[in-house]
Amino acid sequence: MARMLLLALSYLFALTNGLPTTPSRTFSRAEQPTPFTNADTVRVTLCTDINWAGTCTDIYTTPGGSPSTCKVLDGTASSIGPMEGVRCVFYRTDNCDPIPGPSGGALPLTFPGLGNLFSVPGQENPNWNDAVRSFNCFRLS
Protein backbone atom coordinates (compact mmCIF):
# COMPACT_ATOMS: atom_id res chain seq x y z
CA MET A 1 0.00 0.00 0.00
CA ALA A 2 2.78 2.43 0.92
CA ARG A 3 4.57 1.62 -2.34
CA MET A 4 1.46 2.39 -4.39
CA LEU A 5 1.01 5.69 -2.54
CA LEU A 6 4.65 6.60 -3.21
CA LEU A 7 4.27 5.78 -6.90
CA ALA A 8 1.08 7.86 -7.14
CA LEU A 9 2.74 10.81 -5.41
CA SER A 10 5.78 10.56 -7.70
CA TYR A 11 3.52 10.53 -10.74
CA LEU A 12 1.57 13.57 -9.51
CA PHE A 13 4.80 15.43 -8.77
CA ALA A 14 6.07 14.72 -12.28
CA LEU A 15 2.82 15.89 -13.85
CA THR A 16 2.63 19.11 -11.86
CA ASN A 17 6.25 19.98 -12.58
CA GLY A 18 6.09 19.32 -16.31
CA LEU A 19 8.64 16.51 -16.02
CA PRO A 20 8.47 13.28 -17.98
CA THR A 21 7.11 10.37 -15.99
CA THR A 22 9.79 8.03 -17.36
CA PRO A 23 12.68 8.01 -14.89
CA SER A 24 16.34 8.12 -15.81
CA ARG A 25 18.04 4.76 -15.58
CA THR A 26 21.64 3.73 -15.01
CA PHE A 27 23.15 0.69 -16.69
CA SER A 28 26.56 -0.90 -17.00
CA ARG A 29 28.65 -0.57 -20.14
CA ALA A 30 27.86 -4.20 -21.04
CA GLU A 31 24.14 -3.45 -21.36
CA GLN A 32 22.39 -1.73 -24.24
CA PRO A 33 19.74 0.94 -23.69
CA THR A 34 16.14 -0.22 -23.92
CA PRO A 35 14.40 0.85 -27.15
CA PHE A 36 12.19 3.86 -26.46
CA THR A 37 9.29 5.16 -28.51
CA ASN A 38 7.34 7.70 -26.40
CA ALA A 39 6.51 10.56 -28.80
CA ASP A 40 6.47 13.19 -26.04
CA THR A 41 9.87 12.29 -24.61
CA VAL A 42 13.39 11.92 -25.98
CA ARG A 43 16.36 9.99 -24.61
CA VAL A 44 19.99 10.97 -24.29
CA THR A 45 22.62 8.45 -23.18
CA LEU A 46 25.57 9.69 -21.08
CA CYS A 47 28.58 7.61 -20.00
CA THR A 48 31.23 8.57 -17.44
CA ASP A 49 34.12 7.22 -19.55
CA ILE A 50 35.09 7.61 -23.19
CA ASN A 51 33.98 5.10 -25.83
CA TRP A 52 30.67 4.46 -24.02
CA ALA A 53 32.38 2.91 -20.99
CA GLY A 54 32.03 3.42 -17.25
CA THR A 55 28.57 4.02 -15.83
CA CYS A 56 26.01 4.96 -18.47
CA THR A 57 22.72 6.69 -17.79
CA ASP A 58 19.68 7.29 -19.98
CA ILE A 59 18.23 10.76 -19.42
CA TYR A 60 14.64 11.32 -20.57
CA THR A 61 13.37 14.82 -21.32
CA THR A 62 10.71 16.74 -23.20
CA PRO A 63 11.87 18.14 -26.55
CA GLY A 64 11.88 21.91 -27.05
CA GLY A 65 13.98 25.03 -26.73
CA SER A 66 12.32 26.81 -23.82
CA PRO A 67 13.86 27.28 -20.35
CA SER A 68 11.41 24.70 -18.98
CA THR A 69 12.83 22.00 -21.29
CA CYS A 70 16.48 22.74 -20.43
CA LYS A 71 17.86 19.62 -18.73
CA VAL A 72 20.65 20.23 -16.19
CA LEU A 73 23.50 17.70 -15.87
CA ASP A 74 26.30 17.11 -13.35
CA GLY A 75 29.22 17.64 -15.76
CA THR A 76 30.64 14.10 -15.62
CA ALA A 77 29.95 12.90 -19.19
CA SER A 78 32.80 11.62 -21.36
CA SER A 79 30.49 10.01 -23.98
CA ILE A 80 27.13 11.47 -24.95
CA GLY A 81 24.51 10.76 -27.59
CA PRO A 82 20.85 11.40 -28.35
CA MET A 83 18.47 8.76 -29.64
CA GLU A 84 17.75 8.46 -33.38
CA GLY A 85 15.55 11.18 -34.87
CA VAL A 86 16.66 13.80 -32.35
CA ARG A 87 19.11 16.72 -32.41
CA CYS A 88 20.36 17.89 -29.02
CA VAL A 89 22.40 20.98 -28.23
CA PHE A 90 24.74 20.66 -25.24
CA TYR A 91 26.11 23.58 -23.22
CA ARG A 92 28.88 24.22 -20.68
CA THR A 93 26.42 26.22 -18.55
CA ASP A 94 23.57 24.94 -16.41
CA ASN A 95 20.96 27.12 -18.17
CA CYS A 96 21.22 26.05 -21.85
CA ASP A 97 22.99 29.28 -22.83
CA PRO A 98 26.40 29.28 -24.50
CA ILE A 99 29.29 31.02 -22.73
CA PRO A 100 30.62 33.81 -24.97
CA GLY A 101 34.19 33.39 -26.19
CA PRO A 102 36.48 30.47 -27.01
CA SER A 103 35.70 28.37 -23.92
CA GLY A 104 31.94 28.39 -24.43
CA GLY A 105 29.70 27.70 -27.32
CA ALA A 106 27.24 24.98 -28.00
CA LEU A 107 27.71 21.40 -29.11
CA PRO A 108 24.96 20.15 -31.46
CA LEU A 109 24.77 16.36 -31.79
CA THR A 110 22.60 13.79 -33.51
CA PHE A 111 22.61 10.01 -33.23
CA PRO A 112 24.90 8.24 -32.47
CA GLY A 113 26.59 11.14 -30.62
CA LEU A 114 30.24 11.20 -29.58
CA GLY A 115 32.09 8.46 -27.75
CA ASN A 116 35.02 10.74 -26.88
CA LEU A 117 34.34 14.27 -25.63
CA PHE A 118 38.07 14.96 -25.12
CA SER A 119 38.46 16.03 -28.73
CA VAL A 120 35.36 17.32 -30.53
CA PRO A 121 35.97 18.17 -34.20
CA GLY A 122 35.05 21.64 -35.41
CA GLN A 123 35.01 23.27 -31.97
CA GLU A 124 37.13 26.28 -31.01
CA ASN A 125 37.65 24.62 -27.60
CA PRO A 126 37.50 20.91 -28.54
CA ASN A 127 37.62 19.45 -25.00
CA TRP A 128 34.05 18.92 -23.82
CA ASN A 129 34.98 16.08 -21.44
CA ASP A 130 33.31 16.54 -18.04
CA ALA A 131 32.10 19.96 -19.23
CA VAL A 132 28.52 19.37 -20.42
CA ARG A 133 26.19 21.00 -17.88
CA SER A 134 22.86 21.24 -19.73
CA PHE A 135 21.05 20.47 -22.97
CA ASN A 136 17.90 20.89 -25.02
CA CYS A 137 16.69 18.43 -27.67
CA PHE A 138 14.57 18.81 -30.78
CA ARG A 139 12.86 16.19 -32.92
CA LEU A 140 14.13 16.02 -36.50
CA SER A 141 11.40 16.16 -39.13
C-alpha atoms as a PDB file:
ATOM      1  CA  MET A   1       0.000   0.000   0.000  1.00  0.00           C
ATOM      2  CA  ALA A   2       2.777   2.431   0.916  1.00  0.00           C
ATOM      3  CA  ARG A   3       4.573   1.623  -2.336  1.00  0.00           C
ATOM      4  CA  MET A   4       1.459   2.392  -4.391  1.00  0.00           C
ATOM      5  CA  LEU A   5       1.014   5.686  -2.541  1.00  0.00           C
ATOM      6  CA  LEU A   6       4.651   6.597  -3.213  1.00  0.00           C
ATOM      7  CA  LEU A   7       4.270   5.779  -6.905  1.00  0.00           C
ATOM      8  CA  ALA A   8       1.078   7.856  -7.136  1.00  0.00           C
ATOM      9  CA  LEU A   9       2.737  10.811  -5.413  1.00  0.00           C
ATOM     10  CA  SER A  10       5.779  10.556  -7.698  1.00  0.00           C
ATOM     11  CA  TYR A  11       3.523  10.531 -10.740  1.00  0.00           C
ATOM     12  CA  LEU A  12       1.575  13.565  -9.514  1.00  0.00           C
ATOM     13  CA  PHE A  13       4.805  15.432  -8.769  1.00  0.00           C
ATOM     14  CA  ALA A  14       6.072  14.721 -12.284  1.00  0.00           C
ATOM     15  CA  LEU A  15       2.820  15.890 -13.847  1.00  0.00           C
ATOM     16  CA  THR A  16       2.629  19.108 -11.861  1.00  0.00           C
ATOM     17  CA  ASN A  17       6.245  19.979 -12.578  1.00  0.00           C
ATOM     18  CA  GLY A  18       6.089  19.316 -16.308  1.00  0.00           C
ATOM     19  CA  LEU A  19       8.637  16.513 -16.017  1.00  0.00           C
ATOM     20  CA  PRO A  20       8.465  13.283 -17.981  1.00  0.00           C
ATOM     21  CA  THR A  21       7.110  10.366 -15.990  1.00  0.00           C
ATOM     22  CA  THR A  22       9.789   8.026 -17.360  1.00  0.00           C
ATOM     23  CA  PRO A  23      12.682   8.012 -14.888  1.00  0.00           C
ATOM     24  CA  SER A  24      16.345   8.118 -15.810  1.00  0.00           C
ATOM     25  CA  ARG A  25      18.039   4.763 -15.583  1.00  0.00           C
ATOM     26  CA  THR A  26      21.639   3.726 -15.006  1.00  0.00           C
ATOM     27  CA  PHE A  27      23.148   0.694 -16.686  1.00  0.00           C
ATOM     28  CA  SER A  28      26.555  -0.899 -16.999  1.00  0.00           C
ATOM     29  CA  ARG A  29      28.651  -0.567 -20.135  1.00  0.00           C
ATOM     30  CA  ALA A  30      27.861  -4.205 -21.040  1.00  0.00           C
ATOM     31  CA  GLU A  31      24.139  -3.453 -21.359  1.00  0.00           C
ATOM     32  CA  GLN A  32      22.393  -1.734 -24.240  1.00  0.00           C
ATOM     33  CA  PRO A  33      19.743   0.944 -23.692  1.00  0.00           C
ATOM     34  CA  THR A  34      16.145  -0.215 -23.921  1.00  0.00           C
ATOM     35  CA  PRO A  35      14.396   0.845 -27.152  1.00  0.00           C
ATOM     36  CA  PHE A  36      12.193   3.859 -26.457  1.00  0.00           C
ATOM     37  CA  THR A  37       9.287   5.159 -28.513  1.00  0.00           C
ATOM     38  CA  ASN A  38       7.337   7.696 -26.400  1.00  0.00           C
ATOM     39  CA  ALA A  39       6.510  10.565 -28.803  1.00  0.00           C
ATOM     40  CA  ASP A  40       6.470  13.190 -26.036  1.00  0.00           C
ATOM     41  CA  THR A  41       9.867  12.289 -24.607  1.00  0.00           C
ATOM     42  CA  VAL A  42      13.386  11.925 -25.984  1.00  0.00           C
ATOM     43  CA  ARG A  43      16.355   9.985 -24.611  1.00  0.00           C
ATOM     44  CA  VAL A  44      19.995  10.967 -24.289  1.00  0.00           C
ATOM     45  CA  THR A  45      22.624   8.450 -23.177  1.00  0.00           C
ATOM     46  CA  LEU A  46      25.567   9.686 -21.080  1.00  0.00           C
ATOM     47  CA  CYS A  47      28.581   7.613 -19.996  1.00  0.00           C
ATOM     48  CA  THR A  48      31.232   8.574 -17.442  1.00  0.00           C
ATOM     49  CA  ASP A  49      34.116   7.225 -19.554  1.00  0.00           C
ATOM     50  CA  ILE A  50      35.095   7.612 -23.193  1.00  0.00           C
ATOM     51  CA  ASN A  51      33.976   5.095 -25.825  1.00  0.00           C
ATOM     52  CA  TRP A  52      30.672   4.462 -24.021  1.00  0.00           C
ATOM     53  CA  ALA A  53      32.385   2.906 -20.990  1.00  0.00           C
ATOM     54  CA  GLY A  54      32.025   3.419 -17.251  1.00  0.00           C
ATOM     55  CA  THR A  55      28.574   4.021 -15.829  1.00  0.00           C
ATOM     56  CA  CYS A  56      26.005   4.957 -18.471  1.00  0.00           C
ATOM     57  CA  THR A  57      22.725   6.695 -17.788  1.00  0.00           C
ATOM     58  CA  ASP A  58      19.685   7.292 -19.976  1.00  0.00           C
ATOM     59  CA  ILE A  59      18.228  10.757 -19.417  1.00  0.00           C
ATOM     60  CA  TYR A  60      14.641  11.323 -20.574  1.00  0.00           C
ATOM     61  CA  THR A  61      13.370  14.816 -21.319  1.00  0.00           C
ATOM     62  CA  THR A  62      10.707  16.744 -23.200  1.00  0.00           C
ATOM     63  CA  PRO A  63      11.867  18.145 -26.554  1.00  0.00           C
ATOM     64  CA  GLY A  64      11.880  21.907 -27.053  1.00  0.00           C
ATOM     65  CA  GLY A  65      13.982  25.027 -26.728  1.00  0.00           C
ATOM     66  CA  SER A  66      12.317  26.811 -23.818  1.00  0.00           C
ATOM     67  CA  PRO A  67      13.860  27.277 -20.353  1.00  0.00           C
ATOM     68  CA  SER A  68      11.413  24.703 -18.978  1.00  0.00           C
ATOM     69  CA  THR A  69      12.829  22.001 -21.287  1.00  0.00           C
ATOM     70  CA  CYS A  70      16.479  22.737 -20.427  1.00  0.00           C
ATOM     71  CA  LYS A  71      17.862  19.618 -18.731  1.00  0.00           C
ATOM     72  CA  VAL A  72      20.650  20.228 -16.188  1.00  0.00           C
ATOM     73  CA  LEU A  73      23.498  17.698 -15.873  1.00  0.00           C
ATOM     74  CA  ASP A  74      26.302  17.115 -13.353  1.00  0.00           C
ATOM     75  CA  GLY A  75      29.225  17.644 -15.756  1.00  0.00           C
ATOM     76  CA  THR A  76      30.641  14.102 -15.623  1.00  0.00           C
ATOM     77  CA  ALA A  77      29.953  12.900 -19.188  1.00  0.00           C
ATOM     78  CA  SER A  78      32.799  11.615 -21.364  1.00  0.00           C
ATOM     79  CA  SER A  79      30.486  10.015 -23.976  1.00  0.00           C
ATOM     80  CA  ILE A  80      27.127  11.469 -24.955  1.00  0.00           C
ATOM     81  CA  GLY A  81      24.507  10.762 -27.589  1.00  0.00           C
ATOM     82  CA  PRO A  82      20.848  11.401 -28.353  1.00  0.00           C
ATOM     83  CA  MET A  83      18.467   8.756 -29.638  1.00  0.00           C
ATOM     84  CA  GLU A  84      17.753   8.459 -33.376  1.00  0.00           C
ATOM     85  CA  GLY A  85      15.555  11.177 -34.870  1.00  0.00           C
ATOM     86  CA  VAL A  86      16.662  13.799 -32.353  1.00  0.00           C
ATOM     87  CA  ARG A  87      19.115  16.715 -32.411  1.00  0.00           C
ATOM     88  CA  CYS A  88      20.360  17.891 -29.019  1.00  0.00           C
ATOM     89  CA  VAL A  89      22.402  20.982 -28.229  1.00  0.00           C
ATOM     90  CA  PHE A  90      24.735  20.656 -25.238  1.00  0.00           C
ATOM     91  CA  TYR A  91      26.115  23.581 -23.220  1.00  0.00           C
ATOM     92  CA  ARG A  92      28.878  24.220 -20.682  1.00  0.00           C
ATOM     93  CA  THR A  93      26.419  26.221 -18.551  1.00  0.00           C
ATOM     94  CA  ASP A  94      23.567  24.939 -16.408  1.00  0.00           C
ATOM     95  CA  ASN A  95      20.958  27.118 -18.169  1.00  0.00           C
ATOM     96  CA  CYS A  96      21.221  26.053 -21.848  1.00  0.00           C
ATOM     97  CA  ASP A  97      22.994  29.283 -22.827  1.00  0.00           C
ATOM     98  CA  PRO A  98      26.403  29.283 -24.503  1.00  0.00           C
ATOM     99  CA  ILE A  99      29.285  31.015 -22.734  1.00  0.00           C
ATOM    100  CA  PRO A 100      30.619  33.811 -24.971  1.00  0.00           C
ATOM    101  CA  GLY A 101      34.186  33.385 -26.192  1.00  0.00           C
ATOM    102  CA  PRO A 102      36.480  30.471 -27.010  1.00  0.00           C
ATOM    103  CA  SER A 103      35.698  28.374 -23.917  1.00  0.00           C
ATOM    104  CA  GLY A 104      31.945  28.394 -24.435  1.00  0.00           C
ATOM    105  CA  GLY A 105      29.704  27.704 -27.320  1.00  0.00           C
ATOM    106  CA  ALA A 106      27.239  24.985 -28.003  1.00  0.00           C
ATOM    107  CA  LEU A 107      27.714  21.400 -29.105  1.00  0.00           C
ATOM    108  CA  PRO A 108      24.963  20.155 -31.455  1.00  0.00           C
ATOM    109  CA  LEU A 109      24.774  16.358 -31.790  1.00  0.00           C
ATOM    110  CA  THR A 110      22.596  13.794 -33.513  1.00  0.00           C
ATOM    111  CA  PHE A 111      22.607  10.008 -33.235  1.00  0.00           C
ATOM    112  CA  PRO A 112      24.903   8.244 -32.474  1.00  0.00           C
ATOM    113  CA  GLY A 113      26.588  11.139 -30.615  1.00  0.00           C
ATOM    114  CA  LEU A 114      30.238  11.196 -29.584  1.00  0.00           C
ATOM    115  CA  GLY A 115      32.091   8.461 -27.754  1.00  0.00           C
ATOM    116  CA  ASN A 116      35.017  10.738 -26.877  1.00  0.00           C
ATOM    117  CA  LEU A 117      34.337  14.265 -25.627  1.00  0.00           C
ATOM    118  CA  PHE A 118      38.065  14.964 -25.116  1.00  0.00           C
ATOM    119  CA  SER A 119      38.462  16.034 -28.735  1.00  0.00           C
ATOM    120  CA  VAL A 120      35.363  17.320 -30.526  1.00  0.00           C
ATOM    121  CA  PRO A 121      35.972  18.166 -34.204  1.00  0.00           C
ATOM    122  CA  GLY A 122      35.049  21.644 -35.412  1.00  0.00           C
ATOM    123  CA  GLN A 123      35.008  23.267 -31.969  1.00  0.00           C
ATOM    124  CA  GLU A 124      37.129  26.278 -31.008  1.00  0.00           C
ATOM    125  CA  ASN A 125      37.647  24.624 -27.605  1.00  0.00           C
ATOM    126  CA  PRO A 126      37.496  20.910 -28.539  1.00  0.00           C
ATOM    127  CA  ASN A 127      37.624  19.451 -25.002  1.00  0.00           C
ATOM    128  CA  TRP A 128      34.045  18.918 -23.818  1.00  0.00           C
ATOM    129  CA  ASN A 129      34.981  16.077 -21.441  1.00  0.00           C
ATOM    130  CA  ASP A 130      33.311  16.539 -18.043  1.00  0.00           C
ATOM    131  CA  ALA A 131      32.102  19.957 -19.231  1.00  0.00           C
ATOM    132  CA  VAL A 132      28.522  19.368 -20.415  1.00  0.00           C
ATOM    133  CA  ARG A 133      26.190  20.997 -17.878  1.00  0.00           C
ATOM    134  CA  SER A 134      22.863  21.245 -19.727  1.00  0.00           C
ATOM    135  CA  PHE A 135      21.054  20.465 -22.974  1.00  0.00           C
ATOM    136  CA  ASN A 136      17.897  20.889 -25.023  1.00  0.00           C
ATOM    137  CA  CYS A 137      16.691  18.434 -27.667  1.00  0.00           C
ATOM    138  CA  PHE A 138      14.567  18.812 -30.777  1.00  0.00           C
ATOM    139  CA  ARG A 139      12.862  16.189 -32.924  1.00  0.00           C
ATOM    140  CA  LEU A 140      14.128  16.021 -36.503  1.00  0.00           C
ATOM    141  CA  SER A 141      11.399  16.162 -39.126  1.00  0.00           C
END
